[in-house]
């Protein structure tokens, strides 16, 4: 007998960014960070680990934003102490 299980794991992402870097990114790529954030919620997105840069583990996720553009997002996780 074979059993099939569907497991859903939900997690909360709190996304923050530097406003100055966001403005520079918009001028350079015409993509707002708030639009690029949607890539992190794309169920079909692909994520790769980058090398550790300056003691920071970075990730690259390629996926679609809310209007269907394919975007590559480079980011890192920051541990936020629980309250």
Foldseek 3Di string as FASTA:
>chain_A
DDDDDDDDDDDDDDDDDDPVVQVVCCVVPVDGVVQVVQLVVAPPKDKDWDDQDPNFTKMWIWGQGPVGDTDIDIDGDDDDDDD
